[in-house]
Amino acid sequence: MTAEEQALTTQLDQLQQELDARQNVDQGSLEDSVTFIQSVSYPVTPLIGETKTLLPTQSYLRSYVFGENSVNIEVDFETMTDISKYVERLLMSSYFTDAQINTVSNFEIELGEQRVLTPQQKFKEVPRYSVSITATIDFMYLAGGRRS
């Protein structure tokens, strides 16, 4: 065996060891990922239904994002009173243990042609509110283990 063949054999062995190590790491991380997903999976349909059912009239559910322990809800409301009613309803719901407002911002509805309003006209128009709420999920109730 020549020196060049021996160097190539050594290099092949090193590369094979690196490949084996990387395959084991990738496989372990895939198994860890599957275990994590299985540990945090839960039914979302009842939560979606509950968040919609509790909405006051004249409000619009924009989106919801499910996390490990909570759901983030984006809703448009007509009044501040509607916001407080909705948060109160979430707090009274058996599906949630807590609800907190993250952000409240106002916006104006613009339909059709945009027009320049006088200060008096602007004062008469009521802004709408876009709200981000985080509701903490009660997993015992969701799993059917707690009855109120």
C-alpha atoms as a PDB file:
ATOM      1  CA  MET A   1       0.000   0.000   0.000  1.00  0.00           C
ATOM      2  CA  THR A   2       1.391   3.344  -0.974  1.00  0.00           C
ATOM      3  CA  ALA A   3       1.488   6.418   1.210  1.00  0.00           C
ATOM      4  CA  GLU A   4      -1.209   8.042  -0.903  1.00  0.00           C
ATOM      5  CA  GLU A   5      -3.519   5.020  -0.506  1.00  0.00           C
ATOM      6  CA  GLN A   6      -2.941   5.002   3.249  1.00  0.00           C
ATOM      7  CA  ALA A   7      -3.721   8.747   3.509  1.00  0.00           C
ATOM      8  CA  LEU A   8      -6.919   8.250   1.511  1.00  0.00           C
ATOM      9  CA  THR A   9      -7.922   5.274   3.678  1.00  0.00           C
ATOM     10  CA  THR A  10      -7.343   7.318   6.831  1.00  0.00           C
ATOM     11  CA  GLN A  11      -9.344  10.205   5.387  1.00  0.00           C
ATOM     12  CA  LEU A  12     -12.154   7.798   4.415  1.00  0.00           C
ATOM     13  CA  ASP A  13     -12.264   6.427   7.972  1.00  0.00           C
ATOM     14  CA  GLN A  14     -12.444   9.962   9.430  1.00  0.00           C
ATOM     15  CA  LEU A  15     -15.217  10.981   7.053  1.00  0.00           C
ATOM     16  CA  GLN A  16     -17.163   7.791   7.830  1.00  0.00           C
ATOM     17  CA  GLN A  17     -16.902   8.527  11.568  1.00  0.00           C
ATOM     18  CA  GLU A  18     -18.117  12.094  11.009  1.00  0.00           C
ATOM     19  CA  LEU A  19     -21.031  10.816   8.906  1.00  0.00           C
ATOM     20  CA  ASP A  20     -21.987   8.255  11.556  1.00  0.00           C
ATOM     21  CA  ALA A  21     -21.843  10.931  14.273  1.00  0.00           C
ATOM     22  CA  ARG A  22     -24.008  13.344  12.269  1.00  0.00           C
ATOM     23  CA  GLN A  23     -26.569  10.666  11.434  1.00  0.00           C
ATOM     24  CA  ASN A  24     -26.884   9.777  15.105  1.00  0.00           C
ATOM     25  CA  VAL A  25     -27.304  13.437  16.056  1.00  0.00           C
ATOM     26  CA  ASP A  26     -29.948  13.978  13.379  1.00  0.00           C
ATOM     27  CA  GLN A  27     -31.804  10.831  14.394  1.00  0.00           C
ATOM     28  CA  GLY A  28     -31.747  11.785  18.072  1.00  0.00           C
ATOM     29  CA  SER A  29     -33.013  15.276  17.354  1.00  0.00           C
ATOM     30  CA  LEU A  30     -35.808  13.859  15.188  1.00  0.00           C
ATOM     31  CA  GLU A  31     -36.836  11.491  17.980  1.00  0.00           C
ATOM     32  CA  ASP A  32     -36.688  14.383  20.459  1.00  0.00           C
ATOM     33  CA  SER A  33     -38.858  16.464  18.134  1.00  0.00           C
ATOM     34  CA  VAL A  34     -41.483  13.735  17.833  1.00  0.00           C
ATOM     35  CA  THR A  35     -41.524  13.260  21.620  1.00  0.00           C
ATOM     36  CA  PHE A  36     -41.918  17.010  22.159  1.00  0.00           C
ATOM     37  CA  ILE A  37     -44.769  17.279  19.645  1.00  0.00           C
ATOM     38  CA  GLN A  38     -46.560  14.327  21.206  1.00  0.00           C
ATOM     39  CA  SER A  39     -46.199  15.831  24.682  1.00  0.00           C
ATOM     40  CA  VAL A  40     -47.723  19.188  23.698  1.00  0.00           C
ATOM     41  CA  SER A  41     -50.456  18.036  21.341  1.00  0.00           C
ATOM     42  CA  TYR A  42     -54.020  18.745  22.401  1.00  0.00           C
ATOM     43  CA  PRO A  43     -57.402  19.109  20.695  1.00  0.00           C
ATOM     44  CA  VAL A  44     -57.912  22.641  19.378  1.00  0.00           C
ATOM     45  CA  THR A  45     -61.443  22.386  17.978  1.00  0.00           C
ATOM     46  CA  PRO A  46     -63.153  22.924  21.371  1.00  0.00           C
ATOM     47  CA  LEU A  47     -60.898  25.916  22.038  1.00  0.00           C
ATOM     48  CA  ILE A  48     -61.682  27.469  18.647  1.00  0.00           C
ATOM     49  CA  GLY A  49     -65.392  26.956  19.239  1.00  0.00           C
ATOM     50  CA  GLU A  50     -65.207  28.465  22.716  1.00  0.00           C
ATOM     51  CA  THR A  51     -63.291  31.549  21.583  1.00  0.00           C
ATOM     52  CA  LYS A  52     -65.882  32.158  18.851  1.00  0.00           C
ATOM     53  CA  THR A  53     -68.922  31.476  21.048  1.00  0.00           C
ATOM     54  CA  LEU A  54     -67.825  33.944  23.714  1.00  0.00           C
ATOM     55  CA  LEU A  55     -67.431  36.845  21.254  1.00  0.00           C
ATOM     56  CA  PRO A  56     -69.801  39.783  21.705  1.00  0.00           C
ATOM     57  CA  THR A  57     -71.931  40.796  18.718  1.00  0.00           C
ATOM     58  CA  GLN A  58     -70.287  43.117  16.211  1.00  0.00           C
ATOM     59  CA  SER A  59     -66.801  41.737  16.864  1.00  0.00           C
ATOM     60  CA  TYR A  60     -64.464  39.930  14.499  1.00  0.00           C
ATOM     61  CA  LEU A  61     -62.053  37.113  15.343  1.00  0.00           C
ATOM     62  CA  ARG A  62     -59.007  37.765  13.164  1.00  0.00           C
ATOM     63  CA  SER A  63     -56.729  34.904  14.187  1.00  0.00           C
ATOM     64  CA  TYR A  64     -55.612  32.543  16.886  1.00  0.00           C
ATOM     65  CA  VAL A  65     -52.187  31.026  17.454  1.00  0.00           C
ATOM     66  CA  PHE A  66     -51.817  27.989  19.668  1.00  0.00           C
ATOM     67  CA  GLY A  67     -48.790  27.714  21.919  1.00  0.00           C
ATOM     68  CA  GLU A  68     -47.598  25.105  24.348  1.00  0.00           C
ATOM     69  CA  ASN A  69     -49.869  26.253  27.213  1.00  0.00           C
ATOM     70  CA  SER A  70     -51.979  29.042  25.760  1.00  0.00           C
ATOM     71  CA  VAL A  71     -53.770  30.454  22.762  1.00  0.00           C
ATOM     72  CA  ASN A  72     -53.144  33.963  21.463  1.00  0.00           C
ATOM     73  CA  ILE A  73     -56.340  35.502  20.089  1.00  0.00           C
ATOM     74  CA  GLU A  74     -56.520  38.559  17.793  1.00  0.00           C
ATOM     75  CA  VAL A  75     -59.975  40.196  17.809  1.00  0.00           C
ATOM     76  CA  ASP A  76     -61.518  43.443  16.546  1.00  0.00           C
ATOM     77  CA  PHE A  77     -64.087  45.108  18.824  1.00  0.00           C
ATOM     78  CA  GLU A  78     -66.339  48.121  18.491  1.00  0.00           C
ATOM     79  CA  THR A  79     -66.068  49.347  22.081  1.00  0.00           C
ATOM     80  CA  MET A  80     -63.831  49.071  25.127  1.00  0.00           C
ATOM     81  CA  THR A  81     -66.821  47.608  26.970  1.00  0.00           C
ATOM     82  CA  ASP A  82     -66.914  44.735  24.456  1.00  0.00           C
ATOM     83  CA  ILE A  83     -63.226  44.077  25.163  1.00  0.00           C
ATOM     84  CA  SER A  84     -63.807  43.823  28.905  1.00  0.00           C
ATOM     85  CA  LYS A  85     -66.884  41.603  28.394  1.00  0.00           C
ATOM     86  CA  TYR A  86     -64.901  39.211  26.223  1.00  0.00           C
ATOM     87  CA  VAL A  87     -61.998  38.970  28.674  1.00  0.00           C
ATOM     88  CA  GLU A  88     -64.495  38.404  31.492  1.00  0.00           C
ATOM     89  CA  ARG A  89     -66.170  35.617  29.502  1.00  0.00           C
ATOM     90  CA  LEU A  90     -62.792  33.987  28.815  1.00  0.00           C
ATOM     91  CA  LEU A  91     -61.992  34.100  32.540  1.00  0.00           C
ATOM     92  CA  MET A  92     -65.332  32.447  33.359  1.00  0.00           C
ATOM     93  CA  SER A  93     -64.859  29.763  30.688  1.00  0.00           C
ATOM     94  CA  SER A  94     -63.970  26.286  31.883  1.00  0.00           C
ATOM     95  CA  TYR A  95     -61.512  25.913  29.011  1.00  0.00           C
ATOM     96  CA  PHE A  96     -59.210  28.654  30.283  1.00  0.00           C
ATOM     97  CA  THR A  97     -57.525  29.347  33.616  1.00  0.00           C
ATOM     98  CA  ASP A  98     -56.429  32.901  32.805  1.00  0.00           C
ATOM     99  CA  ALA A  99     -56.792  35.578  30.141  1.00  0.00           C
ATOM    100  CA  GLN A 100     -54.627  38.639  29.694  1.00  0.00           C
ATOM    101  CA  ILE A 101     -54.726  41.522  27.252  1.00  0.00           C
ATOM    102  CA  ASN A 102     -51.404  41.952  25.456  1.00  0.00           C
ATOM    103  CA  THR A 103     -52.112  44.957  23.247  1.00  0.00           C
ATOM    104  CA  VAL A 104     -54.967  47.274  22.323  1.00  0.00           C
ATOM    105  CA  SER A 105     -54.765  49.518  19.280  1.00  0.00           C
ATOM    106  CA  ASN A 106     -57.437  51.526  17.521  1.00  0.00           C
ATOM    107  CA  PHE A 107     -58.150  51.838  13.817  1.00  0.00           C
ATOM    108  CA  GLU A 108     -60.713  53.521  11.618  1.00  0.00           C
ATOM    109  CA  ILE A 109     -62.837  51.681   9.098  1.00  0.00           C
ATOM    110  CA  GLU A 110     -62.462  53.060   5.597  1.00  0.00           C
ATOM    111  CA  LEU A 111     -65.036  51.874   3.098  1.00  0.00           C
ATOM    112  CA  GLY A 112     -65.352  53.076  -0.467  1.00  0.00           C
ATOM    113  CA  GLU A 113     -63.943  56.472  -1.322  1.00  0.00           C
ATOM    114  CA  GLN A 114     -61.670  58.045   1.229  1.00  0.00           C
ATOM    115  CA  ARG A 115     -62.734  61.522   2.246  1.00  0.00           C
ATOM    116  CA  VAL A 116     -61.189  64.274   4.275  1.00  0.00           C
ATOM    117  CA  LEU A 117     -63.074  64.746   7.531  1.00  0.00           C
ATOM    118  CA  THR A 118     -63.431  67.895   9.539  1.00  0.00           C
ATOM    119  CA  PRO A 119     -62.481  67.713  13.227  1.00  0.00           C
ATOM    120  CA  GLN A 120     -66.197  67.664  14.136  1.00  0.00           C
ATOM    121  CA  GLN A 121     -66.829  64.699  11.819  1.00  0.00           C
ATOM    122  CA  LYS A 122     -63.815  62.844  13.201  1.00  0.00           C
ATOM    123  CA  PHE A 123     -65.092  63.372  16.728  1.00  0.00           C
ATOM    124  CA  LYS A 124     -68.439  61.768  15.811  1.00  0.00           C
ATOM    125  CA  GLU A 125     -66.830  58.627  14.371  1.00  0.00           C
ATOM    126  CA  VAL A 126     -66.017  55.914  16.848  1.00  0.00           C
ATOM    127  CA  PRO A 127     -62.759  54.022  16.274  1.00  0.00           C
ATOM    128  CA  ARG A 128     -62.632  50.244  16.379  1.00  0.00           C
ATOM    129  CA  TYR A 129     -60.150  48.382  18.563  1.00  0.00           C
ATOM    130  CA  SER A 130     -57.807  45.586  17.589  1.00  0.00           C
ATOM    131  CA  VAL A 131     -56.870  43.492  20.629  1.00  0.00           C
ATOM    132  CA  SER A 132     -54.363  40.720  21.286  1.00  0.00           C
ATOM    133  CA  ILE A 133     -55.323  38.422  24.173  1.00  0.00           C
ATOM    134  CA  THR A 134     -53.475  35.436  25.616  1.00  0.00           C
ATOM    135  CA  ALA A 135     -55.681  32.793  27.237  1.00  0.00           C
ATOM    136  CA  THR A 136     -54.070  30.046  29.314  1.00  0.00           C
ATOM    137  CA  ILE A 137     -55.546  26.610  28.567  1.00  0.00           C
ATOM    138  CA  ASP A 138     -57.014  24.408  31.317  1.00  0.00           C
ATOM    139  CA  PHE A 139     -55.746  21.027  30.117  1.00  0.00           C
ATOM    140  CA  MET A 140     -57.611  19.080  32.797  1.00  0.00           C
ATOM    141  CA  TYR A 141     -60.954  20.404  31.565  1.00  0.00           C
ATOM    142  CA  LEU A 142     -59.938  20.043  27.915  1.00  0.00           C
ATOM    143  CA  ALA A 143     -59.093  16.379  28.546  1.00  0.00           C
ATOM    144  CA  GLY A 144     -62.473  15.847  30.231  1.00  0.00           C
ATOM    145  CA  GLY A 145     -61.016  15.399  33.704  1.00  0.00           C
ATOM    146  CA  ARG A 146     -62.580  18.371  35.477  1.00  0.00           C
ATOM    147  CA  ARG A 147     -66.273  19.180  35.665  1.00  0.00           C
ATOM    148  CA  SER A 148     -67.548  22.495  36.962  1.00  0.00           C
END
